[in-house]
């Protein structure tokens, strides 16, 4: 069964003819926790003034994010 799953097959395990589990290939994780730990700059909290829009604030934040060495 393991070889079949390694080759991309999906195995359905049944009990009395009803599916109870699936055996599938494990995908690599793409999330790296702690990536920004200790790298949060002072400007991380964007101040949305009464006259500004959410888009303007996001664009400022996005530009400042480029300063981080990720």
PDB file of N, CA and C in Angstrom:
ATOM      1  N   UNK A   1       0.821  -1.201   0.000  1.00  0.00           N
ATOM      2  CA  UNK A   1       0.000   0.000   0.000  1.00  0.00           C
ATOM      3  C   UNK A   1       0.859   1.258   0.000  1.00  0.00           C
ATOM      4  N   UNK A   2       1.933   1.242   0.765  1.00  0.00           N
ATOM      5  CA  UNK A   2       2.793   2.422   0.857  1.00  0.00           C
ATOM      6  C   UNK A   2       3.369   2.778  -0.505  1.00  0.00           C
ATOM      7  N   UNK A   3       3.814   1.775  -1.247  1.00  0.00           N
ATOM      8  CA  UNK A   3       4.366   2.042  -2.578  1.00  0.00           C
ATOM      9  C   UNK A   3       3.322   2.648  -3.500  1.00  0.00           C
ATOM     10  N   UNK A   4       2.087   2.185  -3.408  1.00  0.00           N
ATOM     11  CA  UNK A   4       1.014   2.728  -4.243  1.00  0.00           C
ATOM     12  C   UNK A   4       0.780   4.196  -3.907  1.00  0.00           C
ATOM     13  N   UNK A   5       0.773   4.521  -2.622  1.00  0.00           N
ATOM     14  CA  UNK A   5       0.574   5.905  -2.201  1.00  0.00           C
ATOM     15  C   UNK A   5       1.752   6.770  -2.634  1.00  0.00           C
ATOM     16  N   UNK A   6       2.967   6.251  -2.528  1.00  0.00           N
ATOM     17  CA  UNK A   6       4.148   6.995  -2.979  1.00  0.00           C
ATOM     18  C   UNK A   6       4.074   7.309  -4.470  1.00  0.00           C
ATOM     19  N   UNK A   7       3.384   6.466  -5.216  1.00  0.00           N
ATOM     20  CA  UNK A   7       3.219   6.680  -6.655  1.00  0.00           C
ATOM     21  C   UNK A   7       2.003   7.540  -6.984  1.00  0.00           C
ATOM     22  N   UNK A   8       1.372   8.121  -5.966  1.00  0.00           N
ATOM     23  CA  UNK A   8       0.272   9.045  -6.203  1.00  0.00           C
ATOM     24  C   UNK A   8      -1.120   8.463  -6.067  1.00  0.00           C
ATOM     25  N   UNK A   9      -1.229   7.181  -5.762  1.00  0.00           N
ATOM     26  CA  UNK A   9      -2.553   6.578  -5.606  1.00  0.00           C
ATOM     27  C   UNK A   9      -3.153   6.938  -4.255  1.00  0.00           C
ATOM     28  N   UNK A  10      -4.478   6.928  -4.189  1.00  0.00           N
ATOM     29  CA  UNK A  10      -5.200   7.153  -2.942  1.00  0.00           C
ATOM     30  C   UNK A  10      -5.842   5.838  -2.525  1.00  0.00           C
ATOM     31  N   UNK A  11      -5.605   5.426  -1.294  1.00  0.00           N
ATOM     32  CA  UNK A  11      -6.160   4.174  -0.778  1.00  0.00           C
ATOM     33  C   UNK A  11      -7.299   4.509   0.177  1.00  0.00           C
ATOM     34  N   UNK A  12      -8.474   3.925  -0.052  1.00  0.00           N
ATOM     35  CA  UNK A  12      -9.618   4.114   0.831  1.00  0.00           C
ATOM     36  C   UNK A  12      -9.776   2.850   1.672  1.00  0.00           C
ATOM     37  N   UNK A  13      -9.754   3.028   2.987  1.00  0.00           N
ATOM     38  CA  UNK A  13      -9.909   1.905   3.912  1.00  0.00           C
ATOM     39  C   UNK A  13     -11.369   1.846   4.335  1.00  0.00           C
ATOM     40  N   UNK A  14     -11.959   0.678   4.218  1.00  0.00           N
ATOM     41  CA  UNK A  14     -13.382   0.534   4.523  1.00  0.00           C
ATOM     42  C   UNK A  14     -13.604  -0.443   5.671  1.00  0.00           C
ATOM     43  N   UNK A  15     -14.758  -0.300   6.298  1.00  0.00           N
ATOM     44  CA  UNK A  15     -15.195  -1.236   7.336  1.00  0.00           C
ATOM     45  C   UNK A  15     -16.638  -1.579   7.025  1.00  0.00           C
ATOM     46  N   UNK A  16     -16.881  -2.834   6.789  1.00  0.00           N
ATOM     47  CA  UNK A  16     -18.220  -3.295   6.405  1.00  0.00           C
ATOM     48  C   UNK A  16     -18.741  -2.542   5.176  1.00  0.00           C
ATOM     49  N   UNK A  17     -17.827  -2.290   4.231  1.00  0.00           N
ATOM     50  CA  UNK A  17     -18.206  -1.658   2.976  1.00  0.00           C
ATOM     51  C   UNK A  17     -18.346  -0.145   3.032  1.00  0.00           C
ATOM     52  N   UNK A  18     -18.114   0.472   4.203  1.00  0.00           N
ATOM     53  CA  UNK A  18     -18.212   1.932   4.327  1.00  0.00           C
ATOM     54  C   UNK A  18     -16.817   2.526   4.526  1.00  0.00           C
ATOM     55  N   UNK A  19     -16.501   3.599   3.771  1.00  0.00           N
ATOM     56  CA  UNK A  19     -15.178   4.214   3.924  1.00  0.00           C
ATOM     57  C   UNK A  19     -14.998   4.809   5.327  1.00  0.00           C
ATOM     58  N   UNK A  20     -13.847   4.514   5.932  1.00  0.00           N
ATOM     59  CA  UNK A  20     -13.554   5.047   7.267  1.00  0.00           C
ATOM     60  C   UNK A  20     -12.257   5.858   7.295  1.00  0.00           C
ATOM     61  N   UNK A  21     -11.406   5.698   6.274  1.00  0.00           N
ATOM     62  CA  UNK A  21     -10.142   6.436   6.250  1.00  0.00           C
ATOM     63  C   UNK A  21      -9.591   6.468   4.838  1.00  0.00           C
ATOM     64  N   UNK A  22      -8.742   7.463   4.594  1.00  0.00           N
ATOM     65  CA  UNK A  22      -8.043   7.568   3.304  1.00  0.00           C
ATOM     66  C   UNK A  22      -6.553   7.622   3.580  1.00  0.00           C
ATOM     67  N   UNK A  23      -5.798   6.924   2.771  1.00  0.00           N
ATOM     68  CA  UNK A  23      -4.349   6.953   2.845  1.00  0.00           C
ATOM     69  C   UNK A  23      -3.863   7.691   1.607  1.00  0.00           C
ATOM     70  N   UNK A  24      -3.273   8.866   1.831  1.00  0.00           N
ATOM     71  CA  UNK A  24      -2.818   9.699   0.714  1.00  0.00           C
ATOM     72  C   UNK A  24      -1.367  10.114   0.941  1.00  0.00           C
ATOM     73  N   UNK A  25      -0.731  10.536  -0.137  1.00  0.00           N
ATOM     74  CA  UNK A  25       0.657  10.967  -0.072  1.00  0.00           C
ATOM     75  C   UNK A  25       0.764  12.272   0.714  1.00  0.00           C
ATOM     76  N   UNK A  26       1.747  12.352   1.592  1.00  0.00           N
ATOM     77  CA  UNK A  26       1.989  13.557   2.384  1.00  0.00           C
ATOM     78  C   UNK A  26       2.622  14.613   1.488  1.00  0.00           C
ATOM     79  N   UNK A  27       2.068  15.821   1.514  1.00  0.00           N
ATOM     80  CA  UNK A  27       2.615  16.917   0.734  1.00  0.00           C
ATOM     81  C   UNK A  27       3.597  17.708   1.590  1.00  0.00           C
ATOM     82  N   UNK A  28       4.623  18.271   0.973  1.00  0.00           N
ATOM     83  CA  UNK A  28       5.582  19.058   1.758  1.00  0.00           C
ATOM     84  C   UNK A  28       4.910  20.307   2.327  1.00  0.00           C
ATOM     85  N   UNK A  29       5.313  20.680   3.517  1.00  0.00           N
ATOM     86  CA  UNK A  29       4.750  21.868   4.159  1.00  0.00           C
ATOM     87  C   UNK A  29       5.334  23.120   3.520  1.00  0.00           C
ATOM     88  N   UNK A  30       4.479  24.109   3.341  1.00  0.00           N
ATOM     89  CA  UNK A  30       4.933  25.360   2.740  1.00  0.00           C
ATOM     90  C   UNK A  30       4.983  26.500   3.748  1.00  0.00           C
ATOM     91  N   UNK A  31       4.420  26.290   4.924  1.00  0.00           N
ATOM     92  CA  UNK A  31       4.404  27.340   5.940  1.00  0.00           C
ATOM     93  C   UNK A  31       5.621  27.183   6.833  1.00  0.00           C
ATOM     94  N   UNK A  32       6.343  28.276   7.011  1.00  0.00           N
ATOM     95  CA  UNK A  32       7.480  28.264   7.933  1.00  0.00           C
ATOM     96  C   UNK A  32       7.132  29.166   9.108  1.00  0.00           C
ATOM     97  N   UNK A  33       6.821  28.569  10.241  1.00  0.00           N
ATOM     98  CA  UNK A  33       6.462  29.339  11.415  1.00  0.00           C
ATOM     99  C   UNK A  33       7.687  30.049  11.974  1.00  0.00           C
ATOM    100  N   UNK A  34       7.462  31.247  12.494  1.00  0.00           N
ATOM    101  CA  UNK A  34       8.535  32.016  13.098  1.00  0.00           C
ATOM    102  C   UNK A  34       9.367  32.786  12.098  1.00  0.00           C
ATOM    103  N   UNK A  35       8.922  32.871  10.853  1.00  0.00           N
ATOM    104  CA  UNK A  35       9.681  33.536   9.807  1.00  0.00           C
ATOM    105  C   UNK A  35       9.959  35.002  10.139  1.00  0.00           C
ATOM    106  N   UNK A  36       8.994  35.688  10.760  1.00  0.00           N
ATOM    107  CA  UNK A  36       9.159  37.110  11.060  1.00  0.00           C
ATOM    108  C   UNK A  36       9.546  37.383  12.514  1.00  0.00           C
ATOM    109  N   UNK A  37       9.843  36.333  13.264  1.00  0.00           N
ATOM    110  CA  UNK A  37      10.177  36.516  14.669  1.00  0.00           C
ATOM    111  C   UNK A  37      11.381  37.443  14.817  1.00  0.00           C
ATOM    112  N   UNK A  38      11.194  38.494  15.592  1.00  0.00           N
ATOM    113  CA  UNK A  38      12.264  39.452  15.836  1.00  0.00           C
ATOM    114  C   UNK A  38      12.509  40.419  14.707  1.00  0.00           C
ATOM    115  N   UNK A  39      11.703  40.387  13.666  1.00  0.00           N
ATOM    116  CA  UNK A  39      11.904  41.253  12.513  1.00  0.00           C
ATOM    117  C   UNK A  39      10.777  42.268  12.329  1.00  0.00           C
ATOM    118  N   UNK A  40       9.926  42.426  13.323  1.00  0.00           N
ATOM    119  CA  UNK A  40       8.811  43.352  13.179  1.00  0.00           C
ATOM    120  C   UNK A  40       9.310  44.782  13.403  1.00  0.00           C
ATOM    121  N   UNK A  41       9.292  45.619  12.367  1.00  0.00           N
ATOM    122  CA  UNK A  41       9.787  46.995  12.494  1.00  0.00           C
ATOM    123  C   UNK A  41       8.769  47.903  13.178  1.00  0.00           C
ATOM    124  N   UNK A  42       9.200  49.121  13.499  1.00  0.00           N
ATOM    125  CA  UNK A  42       8.340  50.088  14.183  1.00  0.00           C
ATOM    126  C   UNK A  42       7.103  50.455  13.370  1.00  0.00           C
ATOM    127  N   UNK A  43       7.215  50.441  12.064  1.00  0.00           N
ATOM    128  CA  UNK A  43       6.104  50.878  11.219  1.00  0.00           C
ATOM    129  C   UNK A  43       5.074  49.776  10.985  1.00  0.00           C
ATOM    130  N   UNK A  44       5.219  48.647  11.630  1.00  0.00           N
ATOM    131  CA  UNK A  44       4.324  47.517  11.393  1.00  0.00           C
ATOM    132  C   UNK A  44       2.869  47.861  11.657  1.00  0.00           C
ATOM    133  N   UNK A  45       2.630  48.754  12.586  1.00  0.00           N
ATOM    134  CA  UNK A  45       1.257  49.181  12.856  1.00  0.00           C
ATOM    135  C   UNK A  45       0.957  50.395  11.989  1.00  0.00           C
ATOM    136  N   UNK A  46       0.236  50.174  10.905  1.00  0.00           N
ATOM    137  CA  UNK A  46      -0.101  51.253   9.981  1.00  0.00           C
ATOM    138  C   UNK A  46      -1.217  52.085  10.589  1.00  0.00           C
ATOM    139  N   UNK A  47      -1.025  53.395  10.580  1.00  0.00           N
ATOM    140  CA  UNK A  47      -2.029  54.312  11.109  1.00  0.00           C
ATOM    141  C   UNK A  47      -2.914  54.772   9.954  1.00  0.00           C
ATOM    142  N   UNK A  48      -4.171  54.405   9.989  1.00  0.00           N
ATOM    143  CA  UNK A  48      -5.104  54.802   8.952  1.00  0.00           C
ATOM    144  C   UNK A  48      -5.766  56.111   9.374  1.00  0.00           C
ATOM    145  N   UNK A  49      -5.244  57.204   8.840  1.00  0.00           N
ATOM    146  CA  UNK A  49      -5.822  58.518   9.141  1.00  0.00           C
ATOM    147  C   UNK A  49      -7.222  58.607   8.581  1.00  0.00           C
ATOM    148  N   UNK A  50      -7.981  59.565   9.077  1.00  0.00           N
ATOM    149  CA  UNK A  50      -9.370  59.712   8.647  1.00  0.00           C
ATOM    150  C   UNK A  50      -9.481  59.938   7.142  1.00  0.00           C
ATOM    151  N   UNK A  51      -8.509  60.636   6.546  1.00  0.00           N
ATOM    152  CA  UNK A  51      -8.575  60.935   5.120  1.00  0.00           C
ATOM    153  C   UNK A  51      -8.006  59.848   4.226  1.00  0.00           C
ATOM    154  N   UNK A  52      -7.324  58.862   4.792  1.00  0.00           N
ATOM    155  CA  UNK A  52      -6.709  57.836   3.955  1.00  0.00           C
ATOM    156  C   UNK A  52      -7.678  56.681   3.717  1.00  0.00           C
ATOM    157  N   UNK A  53      -7.331  55.876   2.731  1.00  0.00           N
ATOM    158  CA  UNK A  53      -8.155  54.703   2.429  1.00  0.00           C
ATOM    159  C   UNK A  53      -7.406  53.449   2.832  1.00  0.00           C
ATOM    160  N   UNK A  54      -8.103  52.354   2.907  1.00  0.00           N
ATOM    161  CA  UNK A  54      -7.489  51.069   3.251  1.00  0.00           C
ATOM    162  C   UNK A  54      -6.434  50.712   2.216  1.00  0.00           C
ATOM    163  N   UNK A  55      -6.690  50.994   0.943  1.00  0.00           N
ATOM    164  CA  UNK A  55      -5.737  50.664  -0.115  1.00  0.00           C
ATOM    165  C   UNK A  55      -4.451  51.450   0.050  1.00  0.00           C
ATOM    166  N   UNK A  56      -4.567  52.733   0.366  1.00  0.00           N
ATOM    167  CA  UNK A  56      -3.367  53.552   0.562  1.00  0.00           C
ATOM    168  C   UNK A  56      -2.536  53.025   1.721  1.00  0.00           C
ATOM    169  N   UNK A  57      -3.198  52.715   2.819  1.00  0.00           N
ATOM    170  CA  UNK A  57      -2.495  52.187   3.985  1.00  0.00           C
ATOM    171  C   UNK A  57      -1.820  50.865   3.691  1.00  0.00           C
ATOM    172  N   UNK A  58      -2.501  50.001   2.942  1.00  0.00           N
ATOM    173  CA  UNK A  58      -1.916  48.712   2.586  1.00  0.00           C
ATOM    174  C   UNK A  58      -0.709  48.902   1.692  1.00  0.00           C
ATOM    175  N   UNK A  59      -0.796  49.815   0.735  1.00  0.00           N
ATOM    176  CA  UNK A  59       0.326  50.051  -0.176  1.00  0.00           C
ATOM    177  C   UNK A  59       1.547  50.580   0.572  1.00  0.00           C
ATOM    178  N   UNK A  60       1.329  51.452   1.552  1.00  0.00           N
ATOM    179  CA  UNK A  60       2.440  51.949   2.370  1.00  0.00           C
ATOM    180  C   UNK A  60       3.059  50.787   3.136  1.00  0.00           C
ATOM    181  N   UNK A  61       2.218  49.964   3.740  1.00  0.00           N
ATOM    182  CA  UNK A  61       2.708  48.814   4.500  1.00  0.00           C
ATOM    183  C   UNK A  61       3.486  47.870   3.594  1.00  0.00           C
ATOM    184  N   UNK A  62       2.965  47.636   2.392  1.00  0.00           N
ATOM    185  CA  UNK A  62       3.598  46.719   1.447  1.00  0.00           C
ATOM    186  C   UNK A  62       4.976  47.231   1.018  1.00  0.00           C
ATOM    187  N   UNK A  63       5.087  48.514   0.774  1.00  0.00           N
ATOM    188  CA  UNK A  63       6.374  49.105   0.403  1.00  0.00           C
ATOM    189  C   UNK A  63       7.375  48.991   1.554  1.00  0.00           C
ATOM    190  N   UNK A  64       6.921  49.256   2.764  1.00  0.00           N
ATOM    191  CA  UNK A  64       7.805  49.166   3.926  1.00  0.00           C
ATOM    192  C   UNK A  64       8.225  47.738   4.212  1.00  0.00           C
ATOM    193  N   UNK A  65       7.396  46.782   3.840  1.00  0.00           N
ATOM    194  CA  UNK A  65       7.706  45.373   4.056  1.00  0.00           C
ATOM    195  C   UNK A  65       8.961  44.960   3.286  1.00  0.00           C
ATOM    196  N   UNK A  66       9.215  45.653   2.170  1.00  0.00           N
ATOM    197  CA  UNK A  66      10.384  45.323   1.352  1.00  0.00           C
ATOM    198  C   UNK A  66      11.682  45.574   2.110  1.00  0.00           C
ATOM    199  N   UNK A  67      11.628  46.382   3.170  1.00  0.00           N
ATOM    200  CA  UNK A  67      12.828  46.661   3.956  1.00  0.00           C
ATOM    201  C   UNK A  67      13.299  45.452   4.739  1.00  0.00           C
ATOM    202  N   UNK A  68      12.395  44.522   5.009  1.00  0.00           N
ATOM    203  CA  UNK A  68      12.757  43.333   5.763  1.00  0.00           C
ATOM    204  C   UNK A  68      13.602  42.408   4.900  1.00  0.00           C
ATOM    205  N   UNK A  69      14.563  41.790   5.491  1.00  0.00           N
ATOM    206  CA  UNK A  69      15.424  40.839   4.778  1.00  0.00           C
ATOM    207  C   UNK A  69      14.876  39.436   5.026  1.00  0.00           C
ATOM    208  N   UNK A  70      13.932  38.997   4.180  1.00  0.00           N
ATOM    209  CA  UNK A  70      13.299  37.696   4.374  1.00  0.00           C
ATOM    210  C   UNK A  70      13.938  36.657   3.487  1.00  0.00           C
TER     211      UNK A  70
END
